[in-house]
C-alpha atoms as a PDB file:
ATOM      1  CA  MET A   1       3.630  36.927 -69.761  1.00  0.00           C
ATOM      2  CA  VAL A   2       2.767  39.510 -66.983  1.00  0.00           C
ATOM      3  CA  TRP A   3      -0.149  40.289 -68.650  1.00  0.00           C
ATOM      4  CA  VAL A   4      -1.621  36.968 -68.274  1.00  0.00           C
ATOM      5  CA  PHE A   5      -1.071  36.719 -64.883  1.00  0.00           C
ATOM      6  CA  TRP A   6      -2.633  40.168 -64.226  1.00  0.00           C
ATOM      7  CA  GLY A   7      -5.518  39.329 -66.248  1.00  0.00           C
ATOM      8  CA  SER A   8      -6.495  36.079 -64.596  1.00  0.00           C
ATOM      9  CA  VAL A   9      -5.988  37.940 -61.110  1.00  0.00           C
ATOM     10  CA  ALA A  10      -8.693  40.308 -62.525  1.00  0.00           C
ATOM     11  CA  VAL A  11     -10.894  37.625 -64.087  1.00  0.00           C
ATOM     12  CA  LEU A  12     -10.830  36.010 -60.610  1.00  0.00           C
ATOM     13  CA  LEU A  13     -11.689  39.103 -58.526  1.00  0.00           C
ATOM     14  CA  VAL A  14     -14.490  39.924 -60.687  1.00  0.00           C
ATOM     15  CA  GLY A  15     -15.658  36.202 -60.812  1.00  0.00           C
ATOM     16  CA  LEU A  16     -15.677  36.542 -57.133  1.00  0.00           C
ATOM     17  CA  ALA A  17     -17.819  39.838 -56.769  1.00  0.00           C
ATOM     18  CA  VAL A  18     -20.262  38.512 -59.019  1.00  0.00           C
ATOM     19  CA  LEU A  19     -20.342  35.334 -57.289  1.00  0.00           C
ATOM     20  CA  SER A  20     -21.094  37.225 -54.065  1.00  0.00           C
ATOM     21  CA  TRP A  21     -23.478  39.449 -55.400  1.00  0.00           C
ATOM     22  CA  TRP A  22     -25.249  36.205 -56.779  1.00  0.00           C
ATOM     23  CA  TRP A  23     -25.496  34.394 -53.729  1.00  0.00           C
ATOM     24  CA  ASP A  24     -26.608  37.357 -51.430  1.00  0.00           C
ATOM     25  CA  ARG A  25     -30.292  36.855 -52.113  1.00  0.00           C
ATOM     26  CA  ASP A  26     -31.460  39.170 -49.649  1.00  0.00           C
ATOM     27  CA  ALA A  27     -29.669  41.927 -51.843  1.00  0.00           C
ATOM     28  CA  ARG A  28     -30.721  41.229 -54.950  1.00  0.00           C
ATOM     29  CA  LYS A  29     -34.497  40.998 -53.804  1.00  0.00           C
ATOM     30  CA  ARG A  30     -33.730  44.582 -52.319  1.00  0.00           C
ATOM     31  CA  GLY A  31     -32.972  45.628 -56.038  1.00  0.00           C
ATOM     32  CA  ALA A  32     -29.304  46.104 -55.557  1.00  0.00           C
ATOM     33  CA  THR A  33     -27.119  45.627 -58.623  1.00  0.00           C
ATOM     34  CA  PRO A  34     -23.250  44.984 -58.705  1.00  0.00           C
ATOM     35  CA  LEU A  35     -22.557  48.478 -59.501  1.00  0.00           C
ATOM     36  CA  SER A  36     -24.719  49.797 -56.322  1.00  0.00           C
ATOM     37  CA  GLY A  37     -22.311  49.451 -53.650  1.00  0.00           C
ATOM     38  CA  GLY A  38     -21.260  53.014 -53.992  1.00  0.00           C
ATOM     39  CA  ALA A  39     -24.774  54.407 -53.412  1.00  0.00           C
ATOM     40  CA  MET A  40     -24.908  51.981 -50.335  1.00  0.00           C
ATOM     41  CA  HIS A  41     -21.583  53.329 -49.153  1.00  0.00           C
ATOM     42  CA  ARG A  42     -22.386  57.252 -49.637  1.00  0.00           C
ATOM     43  CA  ALA A  43     -26.018  56.386 -48.034  1.00  0.00           C
ATOM     44  CA  ARG A  44     -24.259  54.834 -44.897  1.00  0.00           C
ATOM     45  CA  TRP A  45     -21.926  57.854 -44.390  1.00  0.00           C
ATOM     46  CA  SER A  46     -24.434  60.197 -45.017  1.00  0.00           C
ATOM     47  CA  ARG A  47     -26.223  58.610 -41.842  1.00  0.00           C
ATOM     48  CA  ARG A  48     -23.077  58.527 -39.844  1.00  0.00           C
ATOM     49  CA  LEU A  49     -22.413  62.148 -40.206  1.00  0.00           C
ATOM     50  CA  GLU A  50     -25.875  62.823 -39.210  1.00  0.00           C
ATOM     51  CA  VAL A  51     -25.562  61.094 -36.243  1.00  0.00           C
ATOM     52  CA  GLU A  52     -21.947  62.654 -35.335  1.00  0.00           C
ATOM     53  CA  ARG A  53     -23.665  66.321 -36.203  1.00  0.00           C
ATOM     54  CA  GLN A  54     -26.575  65.288 -33.870  1.00  0.00           C
ATOM     55  CA  LEU A  55     -24.262  63.946 -31.010  1.00  0.00           C
ATOM     56  CA  ASN A  56     -21.938  67.073 -31.404  1.00  0.00           C
ATOM     57  CA  SER A  57     -25.206  69.324 -31.047  1.00  0.00           C
ATOM     58  CA  VAL A  58     -26.998  67.498 -28.331  1.00  0.00           C
ATOM     59  CA  VAL A  59     -24.928  66.504 -25.131  1.00  0.00           C
ATOM     60  CA  THR A  60     -26.493  63.249 -24.162  1.00  0.00           C
ATOM     61  CA  LYS A  61     -23.520  62.180 -21.800  1.00  0.00           C
ATOM     62  CA  GLY A  62     -24.598  60.784 -18.650  1.00  0.00           C
ATOM     63  CA  ALA A  63     -27.936  60.837 -19.697  1.00  0.00           C
ATOM     64  CA  THR A  64     -30.678  57.932 -19.144  1.00  0.00           C
ATOM     65  CA  PRO A  65     -32.093  56.293 -22.252  1.00  0.00           C
ATOM     66  CA  ARG A  66     -35.207  58.230 -21.801  1.00  0.00           C
ATOM     67  CA  THR A  67     -33.458  61.468 -22.111  1.00  0.00           C
ATOM     68  CA  GLN A  68     -31.430  60.535 -25.077  1.00  0.00           C
ATOM     69  CA  ASP A  69     -34.842  59.514 -26.934  1.00  0.00           C
ATOM     70  CA  ALA A  70     -36.160  62.888 -26.017  1.00  0.00           C
ATOM     71  CA  ALA A  71     -33.117  64.650 -27.435  1.00  0.00           C
ATOM     72  CA  GLN A  72     -33.352  62.370 -30.587  1.00  0.00           C
ATOM     73  CA  ASP A  73     -37.054  63.278 -30.997  1.00  0.00           C
ATOM     74  CA  ALA A  74     -36.401  67.122 -30.200  1.00  0.00           C
ATOM     75  CA  TRP A  75     -33.682  67.042 -33.013  1.00  0.00           C
ATOM     76  CA  LYS A  76     -36.016  65.072 -35.236  1.00  0.00           C
ATOM     77  CA  GLY A  77     -38.734  67.511 -34.525  1.00  0.00           C
ATOM     78  CA  ARG A  78     -41.454  64.774 -33.380  1.00  0.00           C
ATOM     79  CA  THR A  79     -43.618  65.524 -30.907  1.00  0.00           C
ATOM     80  CA  ASP A  80     -46.034  62.340 -31.076  1.00  0.00           C
ATOM     81  CA  ARG A  81     -44.265  60.734 -27.969  1.00  0.00           C
END
């Protein structure tokens, strides 16, 4: 009898996941699949790690927005500004 309960809970959770993915039309237009959440999480994690590395290498405390932009450009190697 316990397997019926946990089976129904699993079916409910999978159904909610599919329904939320279906309603997210923007994500489907971008090509998201129900299993691409892990890839999105890894990409977000790597972007956060890159920002952390940048902030630890370039001291921007007390800097003006223009100075922060210049530090970011120097970090990324841009010289067009």
